[in-house]
Amino acid sequence: MFETITIRNGVVLLLIRLRAAHLDTVNHTALKYASETWTLRKQDEHAVSVIQGAVENRRLGITLYTVQVRARSSEFRQGKGSAMSLLTPRDRQSDGLVMTVGPRRLLDEPLGMSNER
């Protein structure tokens, strides 16, 4: 398998035999096990859904504090204007800084003039 590696102009090239050996050993095994279906108990389904929710919250930048205030993640995805909304890179570069400070408190001005919500 390793005799199929050749060097041309300082670049290592993988030939067809090496690629075929890799396909047989790695990809077919992964496809074989990925195509199987497993039955999940309700307890396992709940564990998977909790993990999926945690990954989604992490990707959206939702903190545990936001979850405790009961702000729904659908509000963030749909872009509804709430006091707990996420900042986009464009908002961070704008003149008016919007950030949350404590429960239901919103800073509208860069210098910190706050409005109670």
N, C-alpha and C. Protein backbone atom coordinates (compact mmCIF):
# COMPACT_ATOMS: atom_id res chain seq x y z
N MET A 1 0.83 -1.19 0.00
CA MET A 1 0.00 0.00 0.00
C MET A 1 0.87 1.25 0.00
N PHE A 2 1.93 1.31 0.78
CA PHE A 2 2.73 2.51 0.88
C PHE A 2 3.66 2.70 -0.31
N GLU A 3 3.88 1.62 -1.10
CA GLU A 3 4.73 1.79 -2.27
C GLU A 3 4.03 2.59 -3.36
N THR A 4 2.76 2.87 -3.21
CA THR A 4 2.03 3.63 -4.21
C THR A 4 2.18 5.13 -4.04
N ILE A 5 2.87 5.58 -2.98
CA ILE A 5 3.10 7.01 -2.79
C ILE A 5 4.32 7.43 -3.60
N THR A 6 4.17 8.44 -4.42
CA THR A 6 5.30 8.95 -5.20
C THR A 6 5.43 10.44 -4.95
N ILE A 7 6.61 10.96 -5.17
CA ILE A 7 6.86 12.38 -4.97
C ILE A 7 7.18 13.00 -6.33
N ARG A 8 6.41 14.02 -6.69
CA ARG A 8 6.64 14.75 -7.93
C ARG A 8 6.67 16.23 -7.60
N ASN A 9 7.76 16.89 -7.96
CA ASN A 9 7.93 18.32 -7.73
C ASN A 9 7.72 18.69 -6.26
N GLY A 10 8.15 17.82 -5.35
CA GLY A 10 8.06 18.12 -3.93
C GLY A 10 6.69 17.91 -3.33
N VAL A 11 5.74 17.41 -4.08
CA VAL A 11 4.38 17.21 -3.58
C VAL A 11 4.10 15.72 -3.52
N VAL A 12 3.58 15.28 -2.40
CA VAL A 12 3.25 13.86 -2.25
C VAL A 12 1.92 13.61 -2.96
N LEU A 13 1.94 12.67 -3.87
CA LEU A 13 0.72 12.32 -4.60
C LEU A 13 0.26 10.93 -4.19
N LEU A 14 -1.00 10.81 -3.93
CA LEU A 14 -1.57 9.51 -3.61
C LEU A 14 -2.14 8.91 -4.88
N LEU A 15 -1.73 7.71 -5.17
CA LEU A 15 -2.21 7.06 -6.39
C LEU A 15 -3.49 6.29 -6.11
N ILE A 16 -4.04 5.73 -7.15
CA ILE A 16 -5.34 5.08 -7.08
C ILE A 16 -5.35 3.92 -6.10
N ARG A 17 -4.28 3.15 -6.01
CA ARG A 17 -4.27 2.00 -5.12
C ARG A 17 -4.38 2.42 -3.65
N LEU A 18 -3.71 3.50 -3.30
CA LEU A 18 -3.79 3.97 -1.92
C LEU A 18 -5.19 4.49 -1.60
N ARG A 19 -5.77 5.20 -2.56
CA ARG A 19 -7.13 5.70 -2.36
C ARG A 19 -8.12 4.56 -2.25
N ALA A 20 -7.95 3.53 -3.08
CA ALA A 20 -8.86 2.38 -3.02
C ALA A 20 -8.72 1.64 -1.69
N ALA A 21 -7.48 1.50 -1.22
CA ALA A 21 -7.27 0.83 0.07
C ALA A 21 -7.90 1.64 1.20
N HIS A 22 -7.79 2.95 1.13
CA HIS A 22 -8.40 3.81 2.14
C HIS A 22 -9.92 3.70 2.10
N LEU A 23 -10.47 3.67 0.89
CA LEU A 23 -11.92 3.54 0.73
C LEU A 23 -12.41 2.23 1.33
N ASP A 24 -11.69 1.15 1.06
CA ASP A 24 -12.11 -0.15 1.58
C ASP A 24 -12.03 -0.21 3.10
N THR A 25 -10.98 0.35 3.68
CA THR A 25 -10.79 0.19 5.12
C THR A 25 -11.59 1.17 5.95
N VAL A 26 -11.76 2.39 5.48
CA VAL A 26 -12.39 3.42 6.31
C VAL A 26 -13.82 3.71 5.88
N ASN A 27 -14.00 4.11 4.65
CA ASN A 27 -15.31 4.59 4.22
C ASN A 27 -16.37 3.50 4.23
N HIS A 28 -16.05 2.32 3.72
CA HIS A 28 -17.05 1.25 3.69
C HIS A 28 -17.46 0.84 5.10
N THR A 29 -16.50 0.81 6.01
CA THR A 29 -16.83 0.46 7.40
C THR A 29 -17.75 1.51 8.01
N ALA A 30 -17.43 2.78 7.78
CA ALA A 30 -18.26 3.86 8.33
C ALA A 30 -19.66 3.83 7.72
N LEU A 31 -19.75 3.61 6.42
CA LEU A 31 -21.06 3.55 5.78
C LEU A 31 -21.86 2.35 6.26
N LYS A 32 -21.19 1.24 6.49
CA LYS A 32 -21.87 0.04 6.96
C LYS A 32 -22.53 0.27 8.31
N TYR A 33 -21.78 0.86 9.24
CA TYR A 33 -22.33 1.08 10.57
C TYR A 33 -23.27 2.27 10.62
N ALA A 34 -23.08 3.26 9.75
CA ALA A 34 -23.96 4.42 9.74
C ALA A 34 -25.33 4.08 9.17
N SER A 35 -25.39 3.08 8.31
CA SER A 35 -26.66 2.75 7.68
C SER A 35 -27.54 1.87 8.56
N GLU A 36 -26.96 1.31 9.62
CA GLU A 36 -27.77 0.49 10.51
C GLU A 36 -28.69 1.38 11.35
N THR A 37 -29.81 0.83 11.72
CA THR A 37 -30.73 1.58 12.59
C THR A 37 -30.78 0.92 13.94
N TRP A 38 -30.82 1.73 14.96
CA TRP A 38 -30.92 1.24 16.32
C TRP A 38 -32.23 1.71 16.91
N THR A 39 -32.83 0.86 17.73
CA THR A 39 -34.04 1.28 18.42
C THR A 39 -33.64 2.02 19.68
N LEU A 40 -34.25 3.16 19.89
CA LEU A 40 -33.94 3.98 21.06
C LEU A 40 -35.09 3.91 22.06
N ARG A 41 -34.74 3.76 23.31
CA ARG A 41 -35.74 3.85 24.35
C ARG A 41 -36.09 5.32 24.56
N LYS A 42 -37.20 5.59 25.22
CA LYS A 42 -37.61 6.97 25.50
C LYS A 42 -36.53 7.70 26.28
N GLN A 43 -35.89 7.01 27.20
CA GLN A 43 -34.83 7.61 28.01
C GLN A 43 -33.66 8.03 27.12
N ASP A 44 -33.30 7.17 26.15
CA ASP A 44 -32.21 7.50 25.24
C ASP A 44 -32.60 8.64 24.30
N GLU A 45 -33.86 8.63 23.84
CA GLU A 45 -34.32 9.72 22.97
C GLU A 45 -34.23 11.06 23.69
N HIS A 46 -34.60 11.07 24.97
CA HIS A 46 -34.53 12.30 25.75
C HIS A 46 -33.08 12.77 25.88
N ALA A 47 -32.17 11.85 26.14
CA ALA A 47 -30.75 12.21 26.27
C ALA A 47 -30.22 12.80 24.96
N VAL A 48 -30.61 12.21 23.84
CA VAL A 48 -30.17 12.72 22.54
C VAL A 48 -30.75 14.11 22.29
N SER A 49 -32.03 14.31 22.62
CA SER A 49 -32.64 15.62 22.38
C SER A 49 -32.03 16.70 23.28
N VAL A 50 -31.64 16.34 24.51
CA VAL A 50 -30.98 17.30 25.40
C VAL A 50 -29.64 17.72 24.81
N ILE A 51 -28.89 16.76 24.31
CA ILE A 51 -27.59 17.06 23.70
C ILE A 51 -27.77 17.92 22.46
N GLN A 52 -28.76 17.59 21.62
CA GLN A 52 -29.01 18.40 20.43
C GLN A 52 -29.37 19.83 20.80
N GLY A 53 -30.19 20.00 21.84
CA GLY A 53 -30.55 21.34 22.29
C GLY A 53 -29.35 22.11 22.80
N ALA A 54 -28.46 21.43 23.53
CA ALA A 54 -27.26 22.09 24.04
C ALA A 54 -26.35 22.52 22.90
N VAL A 55 -26.22 21.68 21.88
CA VAL A 55 -25.39 22.04 20.72
C VAL A 55 -26.01 23.22 19.99
N GLU A 56 -27.33 23.20 19.81
CA GLU A 56 -28.01 24.31 19.13
C GLU A 56 -27.84 25.61 19.91
N ASN A 57 -28.02 25.56 21.23
CA ASN A 57 -27.84 26.76 22.05
C ASN A 57 -26.42 27.28 21.96
N ARG A 58 -25.46 26.39 21.94
CA ARG A 58 -24.05 26.81 21.85
C ARG A 58 -23.79 27.50 20.51
N ARG A 59 -24.34 26.94 19.43
CA ARG A 59 -24.14 27.54 18.11
C ARG A 59 -24.80 28.90 18.00
N LEU A 60 -25.96 29.06 18.65
CA LEU A 60 -26.68 30.33 18.59
C LEU A 60 -26.15 31.34 19.60
N GLY A 61 -25.30 30.92 20.51
CA GLY A 61 -24.74 31.82 21.50
C GLY A 61 -25.68 32.09 22.67
N ILE A 62 -26.60 31.17 22.92
CA ILE A 62 -27.55 31.35 24.02
C ILE A 62 -26.90 30.86 25.30
N THR A 63 -26.86 31.70 26.32
CA THR A 63 -26.24 31.33 27.58
C THR A 63 -27.25 30.66 28.50
N LEU A 64 -26.76 30.08 29.57
CA LEU A 64 -27.63 29.45 30.55
C LEU A 64 -28.54 30.49 31.19
N TYR A 65 -28.03 31.71 31.37
CA TYR A 65 -28.85 32.79 31.93
C TYR A 65 -30.04 33.06 31.02
N THR A 66 -29.81 33.10 29.72
CA THR A 66 -30.89 33.35 28.77
C THR A 66 -31.94 32.25 28.86
N VAL A 67 -31.50 31.02 29.02
CA VAL A 67 -32.44 29.91 29.13
C VAL A 67 -33.23 30.03 30.42
N GLN A 68 -32.59 30.46 31.50
CA GLN A 68 -33.28 30.59 32.78
C GLN A 68 -34.33 31.69 32.75
N VAL A 69 -34.13 32.72 31.94
CA VAL A 69 -35.11 33.79 31.80
C VAL A 69 -36.25 33.32 30.91
N ARG A 70 -36.11 32.14 30.35
CA ARG A 70 -37.11 31.50 29.51
C ARG A 70 -37.30 32.19 28.16
N ALA A 71 -36.23 32.70 27.61
CA ALA A 71 -36.29 33.24 26.25
C ALA A 71 -36.20 32.05 25.30
N ARG A 72 -37.16 31.91 24.43
CA ARG A 72 -37.19 30.77 23.53
C ARG A 72 -36.19 30.94 22.41
N SER A 73 -35.56 29.84 22.01
CA SER A 73 -34.58 29.91 20.93
C SER A 73 -35.24 30.26 19.60
N SER A 74 -36.56 29.99 19.45
CA SER A 74 -37.24 30.34 18.21
C SER A 74 -37.29 31.86 18.03
N GLU A 75 -37.32 32.61 19.13
CA GLU A 75 -37.29 34.07 19.02
C GLU A 75 -35.99 34.53 18.41
N PHE A 76 -34.89 33.87 18.77
CA PHE A 76 -33.60 34.25 18.23
C PHE A 76 -33.50 33.90 16.75
N ARG A 77 -34.00 32.71 16.40
CA ARG A 77 -33.90 32.29 15.01
C ARG A 77 -34.76 33.15 14.10
N GLN A 78 -35.94 33.57 14.58
CA GLN A 78 -36.84 34.37 13.76
C GLN A 78 -36.52 35.84 13.82
N GLY A 79 -35.59 36.24 14.66
CA GLY A 79 -35.16 37.63 14.72
C GLY A 79 -36.16 38.55 15.38
N LYS A 80 -37.00 38.03 16.28
CA LYS A 80 -37.95 38.89 16.99
C LYS A 80 -37.18 39.81 17.91
N GLY A 81 -37.56 41.06 17.94
CA GLY A 81 -36.84 42.03 18.76
C GLY A 81 -37.20 41.90 20.22
N SER A 82 -36.40 41.24 20.99
CA SER A 82 -36.60 41.16 22.43
C SER A 82 -35.38 41.72 23.12
N ALA A 83 -35.50 41.96 24.40
CA ALA A 83 -34.38 42.51 25.16
C ALA A 83 -33.22 41.54 25.21
N MET A 84 -33.47 40.26 25.00
CA MET A 84 -32.42 39.26 25.09
C MET A 84 -31.91 38.84 23.72
N SER A 85 -32.16 39.63 22.69
CA SER A 85 -31.78 39.21 21.34
C SER A 85 -30.27 39.17 21.19
N LEU A 86 -29.83 38.32 20.27
CA LEU A 86 -28.41 38.16 20.02
C LEU A 86 -27.91 39.26 19.10
N LEU A 87 -26.67 39.62 19.26
CA LEU A 87 -26.06 40.62 18.40
C LEU A 87 -25.44 39.96 17.20
N THR A 88 -25.66 40.53 16.04
CA THR A 88 -24.97 40.08 14.84
C THR A 88 -23.71 40.90 14.69
N PRO A 89 -22.75 40.46 13.87
CA PRO A 89 -21.54 41.27 13.68
C PRO A 89 -21.84 42.68 13.19
N ARG A 90 -22.89 42.85 12.40
CA ARG A 90 -23.24 44.18 11.93
C ARG A 90 -23.71 45.07 13.09
N ASP A 91 -24.48 44.48 14.03
CA ASP A 91 -24.93 45.25 15.20
C ASP A 91 -23.77 45.66 16.08
N ARG A 92 -22.77 44.79 16.19
CA ARG A 92 -21.62 45.11 17.04
C ARG A 92 -20.83 46.29 16.47
N GLN A 93 -20.88 46.50 15.16
CA GLN A 93 -20.13 47.58 14.54
C GLN A 93 -20.95 48.86 14.43
N SER A 94 -22.22 48.81 14.78
CA SER A 94 -23.07 49.99 14.63
C SER A 94 -22.80 51.00 15.74
N ASP A 95 -23.34 52.19 15.59
CA ASP A 95 -23.13 53.25 16.57
C ASP A 95 -23.85 52.96 17.88
N GLY A 96 -25.07 52.45 17.81
CA GLY A 96 -25.84 52.17 19.02
C GLY A 96 -25.55 50.77 19.52
N LEU A 97 -24.96 50.66 20.68
CA LEU A 97 -24.63 49.37 21.25
C LEU A 97 -25.84 48.82 21.99
N VAL A 98 -26.19 47.58 21.71
CA VAL A 98 -27.31 46.94 22.38
C VAL A 98 -26.76 45.72 23.09
N MET A 99 -26.89 45.68 24.40
CA MET A 99 -26.43 44.52 25.14
C MET A 99 -27.27 44.36 26.39
N THR A 100 -27.31 43.14 26.90
CA THR A 100 -28.11 42.88 28.09
C THR A 100 -27.23 42.98 29.33
N VAL A 101 -27.81 43.56 30.38
CA VAL A 101 -27.11 43.68 31.65
C VAL A 101 -28.10 43.32 32.74
N GLY A 102 -28.05 42.12 33.23
CA GLY A 102 -28.97 41.71 34.29
C GLY A 102 -30.34 41.37 33.74
N PRO A 103 -31.25 40.99 34.65
CA PRO A 103 -32.57 40.56 34.21
C PRO A 103 -33.38 41.70 33.61
N ARG A 104 -33.78 41.51 32.38
CA ARG A 104 -34.68 42.41 31.65
C ARG A 104 -34.19 43.86 31.63
N ARG A 105 -32.91 44.07 31.57
CA ARG A 105 -32.37 45.42 31.49
C ARG A 105 -31.63 45.57 30.17
N LEU A 106 -31.84 46.66 29.49
CA LEU A 106 -31.30 46.84 28.16
C LEU A 106 -30.51 48.14 28.08
N LEU A 107 -29.32 48.07 27.54
CA LEU A 107 -28.54 49.28 27.30
C LEU A 107 -28.74 49.68 25.85
N ASP A 108 -29.26 50.89 25.63
CA ASP A 108 -29.50 51.36 24.28
C ASP A 108 -28.38 52.26 23.77
N GLU A 109 -27.71 52.92 24.65
CA GLU A 109 -26.70 53.89 24.26
C GLU A 109 -25.31 53.35 24.58
N PRO A 110 -24.30 53.76 23.81
CA PRO A 110 -22.95 53.29 24.09
C PRO A 110 -22.44 53.72 25.46
N LEU A 111 -22.94 54.84 26.01
CA LEU A 111 -22.45 55.33 27.29
C LEU A 111 -23.21 54.74 28.47
N GLY A 112 -24.22 53.93 28.22
CA GLY A 112 -24.86 53.20 29.31
C GLY A 112 -26.15 53.79 29.83
N MET A 113 -26.88 54.56 29.05
CA MET A 113 -28.18 55.04 29.50
C MET A 113 -29.14 53.86 29.36
N SER A 114 -29.66 53.39 30.48
CA SER A 114 -30.45 52.16 30.45
C SER A 114 -31.94 52.45 30.50
N ASN A 115 -32.70 51.54 29.94
CA ASN A 115 -34.16 51.59 29.97
C ASN A 115 -34.64 50.32 30.66
N GLU A 116 -35.52 50.46 31.61
CA GLU A 116 -36.09 49.29 32.26
C GLU A 116 -37.14 48.69 31.34
N ARG A 117 -37.13 47.40 31.22
CA ARG A 117 -38.10 46.70 30.38
C ARG A 117 -38.97 45.84 31.23
